[in-house]
C-alpha atoms as a PDB file:
ATOM      1  CA  MET A   1     -47.422 -95.332 -12.708  1.00  0.00           C
ATOM      2  CA  VAL A   2     -49.880 -95.929  -9.861  1.00  0.00           C
ATOM      3  CA  SER A   3     -47.711 -98.768  -8.538  1.00  0.00           C
ATOM      4  CA  ILE A   4     -44.664 -96.465  -8.425  1.00  0.00           C
ATOM      5  CA  VAL A   5     -46.575 -93.795  -6.514  1.00  0.00           C
ATOM      6  CA  LEU A   6     -47.919 -96.436  -4.144  1.00  0.00           C
ATOM      7  CA  ALA A   7     -44.422 -97.883  -3.579  1.00  0.00           C
ATOM      8  CA  VAL A   8     -42.985 -94.424  -2.843  1.00  0.00           C
ATOM      9  CA  ALA A   9     -45.833 -93.741  -0.398  1.00  0.00           C
ATOM     10  CA  LEU A  10     -45.227 -97.043   1.409  1.00  0.00           C
ATOM     11  CA  VAL A  11     -41.490 -96.324   1.717  1.00  0.00           C
ATOM     12  CA  GLY A  12     -42.329 -92.902   3.138  1.00  0.00           C
ATOM     13  CA  VAL A  13     -44.688 -94.355   5.713  1.00  0.00           C
ATOM     14  CA  ALA A  14     -42.182 -97.054   6.668  1.00  0.00           C
ATOM     15  CA  THR A  15     -39.381 -94.508   7.006  1.00  0.00           C
ATOM     16  CA  GLY A  16     -41.590 -92.324   9.209  1.00  0.00           C
ATOM     17  CA  ALA A  17     -42.446 -95.299  11.401  1.00  0.00           C
ATOM     18  CA  LEU A  18     -38.766 -96.162  11.748  1.00  0.00           C
ATOM     19  CA  SER A  19     -37.848 -92.617  12.768  1.00  0.00           C
ATOM     20  CA  THR A  20     -40.426 -92.631  15.578  1.00  0.00           C
ATOM     21  CA  THR A  21     -39.163 -95.950  16.959  1.00  0.00           C
ATOM     22  CA  GLU A  22     -35.454 -95.113  16.684  1.00  0.00           C
ATOM     23  CA  PRO A  23     -35.187 -93.452  20.120  1.00  0.00           C
ATOM     24  CA  GLU A  24     -37.115 -96.281  21.774  1.00  0.00           C
ATOM     25  CA  ARG A  25     -34.843 -98.896  20.218  1.00  0.00           C
ATOM     26  CA  SER A  26     -31.783 -96.992  21.352  1.00  0.00           C
ATOM     27  CA  VAL A  27     -33.170 -96.647  24.870  1.00  0.00           C
ATOM     28  CA  THR A  28     -33.964-100.369  25.024  1.00  0.00           C
ATOM     29  CA  GLN A  29     -30.486-101.246  23.743  1.00  0.00           C
ATOM     30  CA  LEU A  30     -28.735 -98.890  26.165  1.00  0.00           C
ATOM     31  CA  GLU A  31     -30.811-100.052  29.129  1.00  0.00           C
ATOM     32  CA  GLY A  32     -29.828-103.634  28.286  1.00  0.00           C
ATOM     33  CA  GLU A  33     -26.150-102.651  28.165  1.00  0.00           C
ATOM     34  CA  ILE A  34     -26.301-100.879  31.540  1.00  0.00           C
ATOM     35  CA  ASP A  35     -28.269-103.786  33.019  1.00  0.00           C
ATOM     36  CA  ARG A  36     -25.520-106.219  31.929  1.00  0.00           C
ATOM     37  CA  LEU A  37     -22.892-103.931  33.472  1.00  0.00           C
ATOM     38  CA  GLU A  38     -24.893-103.716  36.689  1.00  0.00           C
ATOM     39  CA  ARG A  39     -25.312-107.521  36.847  1.00  0.00           C
ATOM     40  CA  ALA A  40     -21.552-107.938  36.366  1.00  0.00           C
ATOM     41  CA  ALA A  41     -20.961-105.477  39.223  1.00  0.00           C
ATOM     42  CA  ALA A  42     -23.423-107.334  41.471  1.00  0.00           C
ATOM     43  CA  GLY A  43     -21.766-110.658  40.632  1.00  0.00           C
ATOM     44  CA  LEU A  44     -18.345-109.234  41.433  1.00  0.00           C
ATOM     45  CA  ALA A  45     -19.534-107.803  44.746  1.00  0.00           C
ATOM     46  CA  SER A  46     -21.249-111.032  45.791  1.00  0.00           C
ATOM     47  CA  SER A  47     -18.408-113.368  44.841  1.00  0.00           C
ATOM     48  CA  SER A  48     -15.333-111.377  45.902  1.00  0.00           C
ATOM     49  CA  THR A  49     -13.736-109.760  48.889  1.00  0.00           C
ATOM     50  CA  ALA A  50     -13.088-106.050  48.504  1.00  0.00           C
ATOM     51  CA  ALA A  51      -9.397-105.321  47.973  1.00  0.00           C
ATOM     52  CA  GLY A  52      -7.579-102.848  50.195  1.00  0.00           C
ATOM     53  CA  GLY A  53      -6.823-100.548  47.261  1.00  0.00           C
ATOM     54  CA  ILE A  54      -7.381-100.161  43.555  1.00  0.00           C
ATOM     55  CA  ASP A  55      -3.830-101.326  42.771  1.00  0.00           C
ATOM     56  CA  ARG A  56      -4.460-104.643  44.539  1.00  0.00           C
ATOM     57  CA  ALA A  57      -7.905-105.291  43.090  1.00  0.00           C
ATOM     58  CA  GLY A  58      -8.557-107.882  40.439  1.00  0.00           C
ATOM     59  CA  ARG A  59     -10.409-106.576  37.426  1.00  0.00           C
ATOM     60  CA  VAL A  60     -13.392-107.988  35.585  1.00  0.00           C
ATOM     61  CA  PRO A  61     -13.703-106.922  31.943  1.00  0.00           C
ATOM     62  CA  ALA A  62     -16.973-105.495  30.653  1.00  0.00           C
ATOM     63  CA  THR A  63     -18.124-103.983  27.390  1.00  0.00           C
ATOM     64  CA  VAL A  64     -20.781-101.325  26.861  1.00  0.00           C
ATOM     65  CA  THR A  65     -22.028-100.292  23.428  1.00  0.00           C
ATOM     66  CA  VAL A  66     -23.694 -96.888  23.152  1.00  0.00           C
ATOM     67  CA  PRO A  67     -26.082 -96.636  20.147  1.00  0.00           C
ATOM     68  CA  ASP A  68     -24.457 -94.716  17.311  1.00  0.00           C
ATOM     69  CA  GLY A  69     -27.468 -94.010  15.129  1.00  0.00           C
ATOM     70  CA  GLY A  70     -27.094 -96.987  12.809  1.00  0.00           C
ATOM     71  CA  PHE A  71     -30.030 -98.629  11.074  1.00  0.00           C
ATOM     72  CA  ALA A  72     -33.283 -98.168  12.996  1.00  0.00           C
ATOM     73  CA  SER A  73     -31.660 -96.620  16.055  1.00  0.00           C
ATOM     74  CA  ALA A  74     -31.059 -93.082  17.265  1.00  0.00           C
ATOM     75  CA  ARG A  75     -27.623 -91.804  18.169  1.00  0.00           C
ATOM     76  CA  ILE A  76     -27.049 -91.264  21.877  1.00  0.00           C
ATOM     77  CA  ASP A  77     -24.288 -88.682  22.123  1.00  0.00           C
ATOM     78  CA  ARG A  78     -23.176 -89.210  25.683  1.00  0.00           C
ATOM     79  CA  VAL A  79     -23.746 -91.561  28.591  1.00  0.00           C
ATOM     80  CA  ARG A  80     -22.535 -90.777  32.091  1.00  0.00           C
ATOM     81  CA  ILE A  81     -21.895 -93.673  34.446  1.00  0.00           C
ATOM     82  CA  GLY A  82     -20.935 -93.725  38.093  1.00  0.00           C
ATOM     83  CA  CYS A  83     -20.339 -91.376  40.980  1.00  0.00           C
ATOM     84  CA  PRO A  84     -16.803 -90.413  42.091  1.00  0.00           C
ATOM     85  CA  VAL A  85     -15.479 -92.147  45.219  1.00  0.00           C
ATOM     86  CA  SER A  86     -14.636 -88.692  46.588  1.00  0.00           C
ATOM     87  CA  VAL A  87     -18.382 -88.068  46.991  1.00  0.00           C
ATOM     88  CA  PRO A  88     -20.045 -89.808  49.963  1.00  0.00           C
ATOM     89  CA  VAL A  89     -22.439 -92.488  48.709  1.00  0.00           C
ATOM     90  CA  ARG A  90     -25.391 -90.785  50.409  1.00  0.00           C
ATOM     91  CA  GLU A  91     -24.733 -87.721  48.219  1.00  0.00           C
ATOM     92  CA  CYS A  92     -24.565 -89.712  44.977  1.00  0.00           C
ATOM     93  CA  PRO A  93     -27.732 -89.620  42.900  1.00  0.00           C
ATOM     94  CA  PRO A  94     -29.591 -92.963  42.984  1.00  0.00           C
ATOM     95  CA  VAL A  95     -28.857 -93.615  39.300  1.00  0.00           C
ATOM     96  CA  GLN A  96     -26.423 -95.890  37.447  1.00  0.00           C
ATOM     97  CA  ALA A  97     -26.363 -93.840  34.265  1.00  0.00           C
ATOM     98  CA  SER A  98     -27.811 -90.781  32.605  1.00  0.00           C
ATOM     99  CA  TYR A  99     -27.978 -90.045  28.903  1.00  0.00           C
ATOM    100  CA  ARG A 100     -29.318 -87.523  26.423  1.00  0.00           C
ATOM    101  CA  LEU A 101     -31.657 -88.426  23.553  1.00  0.00           C
ATOM    102  CA  PRO A 102     -31.408 -86.713  20.152  1.00  0.00           C
ATOM    103  CA  ASP A 103     -34.357 -84.447  21.057  1.00  0.00           C
ATOM    104  CA  GLY A 104     -32.375 -83.125  24.071  1.00  0.00           C
ATOM    105  CA  GLN A 105     -34.359 -85.052  26.681  1.00  0.00           C
ATOM    106  CA  VAL A 106     -32.175 -86.358  29.534  1.00  0.00           C
ATOM    107  CA  ARG A 107     -33.059 -89.721  31.030  1.00  0.00           C
ATOM    108  CA  GLN A 108     -31.682 -91.548  34.036  1.00  0.00           C
ATOM    109  CA  LEU A 109     -31.447 -95.250  34.771  1.00  0.00           C
ATOM    110  CA  PRO A 110     -32.038 -96.036  38.453  1.00  0.00           C
ATOM    111  CA  ALA A 111     -29.541 -98.114  40.385  1.00  0.00           C
ATOM    112  CA  ASP A 112     -30.944-101.599  40.963  1.00  0.00           C
ATOM    113  CA  GLY A 113     -27.724-103.117  42.289  1.00  0.00           C
ATOM    114  CA  PRO A 114     -24.498-101.845  43.776  1.00  0.00           C
ATOM    115  CA  ARG A 115     -23.886 -98.274  42.695  1.00  0.00           C
ATOM    116  CA  LEU A 116     -21.064 -97.964  40.243  1.00  0.00           C
ATOM    117  CA  ARG A 117     -18.327 -95.614  41.427  1.00  0.00           C
ATOM    118  CA  THR A 118     -15.443 -93.982  39.577  1.00  0.00           C
ATOM    119  CA  LEU A 119     -12.012 -92.817  40.672  1.00  0.00           C
ATOM    120  CA  ASP A 120     -12.594 -89.317  39.289  1.00  0.00           C
ATOM    121  CA  GLY A 121     -15.704 -87.637  37.832  1.00  0.00           C
ATOM    122  CA  PRO A 122     -18.357 -89.719  36.074  1.00  0.00           C
ATOM    123  CA  LEU A 123     -17.248 -92.000  33.265  1.00  0.00           C
ATOM    124  CA  VAL A 124     -18.464 -90.391  30.017  1.00  0.00           C
ATOM    125  CA  LEU A 125     -18.994 -92.643  27.011  1.00  0.00           C
ATOM    126  CA  GLY A 126     -19.769 -91.527  23.473  1.00  0.00           C
ATOM    127  CA  PRO A 127     -21.365 -93.598  20.712  1.00  0.00           C
ATOM    128  CA  GLY A 128     -19.703 -96.927  19.957  1.00  0.00           C
ATOM    129  CA  LYS A 129     -18.176 -99.832  21.838  1.00  0.00           C
ATOM    130  CA  HIS A 130     -16.296 -99.224  25.085  1.00  0.00           C
ATOM    131  CA  ARG A 131     -14.039-101.687  26.880  1.00  0.00           C
ATOM    132  CA  LEU A 132     -14.415-101.214  30.623  1.00  0.00           C
ATOM    133  CA  SER A 133     -13.234-102.913  33.773  1.00  0.00           C
ATOM    134  CA  LEU A 134     -14.822-103.406  37.168  1.00  0.00           C
ATOM    135  CA  ALA A 135     -12.898-103.679  40.439  1.00  0.00           C
ATOM    136  CA  TYR A 136     -14.216-104.354  43.950  1.00  0.00           C
ATOM    137  CA  VAL A 137     -12.316-102.269  46.509  1.00  0.00           C
ATOM    138  CA  ARG A 138     -12.585-100.589  49.878  1.00  0.00           C
ATOM    139  CA  ILE A 139     -12.728 -96.839  49.394  1.00  0.00           C
ATOM    140  CA  GLY A 140     -11.627 -94.022  51.740  1.00  0.00           C
ATOM    141  CA  ASP A 141     -14.291 -94.576  54.387  1.00  0.00           C
ATOM    142  CA  GLY A 142     -13.631 -98.343  54.420  1.00  0.00           C
ATOM    143  CA  ARG A 143     -16.834 -99.284  52.601  1.00  0.00           C
ATOM    144  CA  PRO A 144     -16.659-101.690  49.684  1.00  0.00           C
ATOM    145  CA  ALA A 145     -17.452-100.253  46.246  1.00  0.00           C
ATOM    146  CA  VAL A 146     -17.468-101.420  42.649  1.00  0.00           C
ATOM    147  CA  ILE A 147     -15.235 -99.112  40.637  1.00  0.00           C
ATOM    148  CA  VAL A 148     -15.856 -98.827  36.893  1.00  0.00           C
ATOM    149  CA  GLY A 149     -13.217 -97.467  34.538  1.00  0.00           C
ATOM    150  CA  ARG A 150     -11.877 -97.812  31.046  1.00  0.00           C
ATOM    151  CA  ARG A 151      -9.885-100.961  30.493  1.00  0.00           C
ATOM    152  CA  GLY A 152      -6.247-100.160  30.994  1.00  0.00           C
ATOM    153  CA  GLY A 153      -6.792 -98.358  34.292  1.00  0.00           C
ATOM    154  CA  GLU A 154      -7.712 -94.805  33.293  1.00  0.00           C
ATOM    155  CA  GLY A 155     -10.799 -93.673  35.167  1.00  0.00           C
END
């Protein structure tokens, strides 16, 4: 009987420990995903010439997985990536992505490379795997920008 009580207590402690590390694991996973996306954008910008328009730009595929609350991770409901090209770069926040943790806390990931831009409002990703594309183009003011969108062209 004592061994059963002890086993139940250990499972309870382990479950409690997992629940406190779930958000941190999700944050670490998401930061790694955004870092990979940012490195792909930097590689594209350093190895390509910006196209004269989005229709003429080559596309580089990318995948981002947003934690969905599986084993030992917390669900992240929404991630916002990028700043619309209609907004001057100096008015874009200096972040690549922002996201909300299960406790309601909003966090932002600073831009360490070229800022990701979008054709329309920020790209919003829910939990799960997302197939994206990156394109290096000259935007309205003639400056080069890395545009991120969903694979297939929708922004």
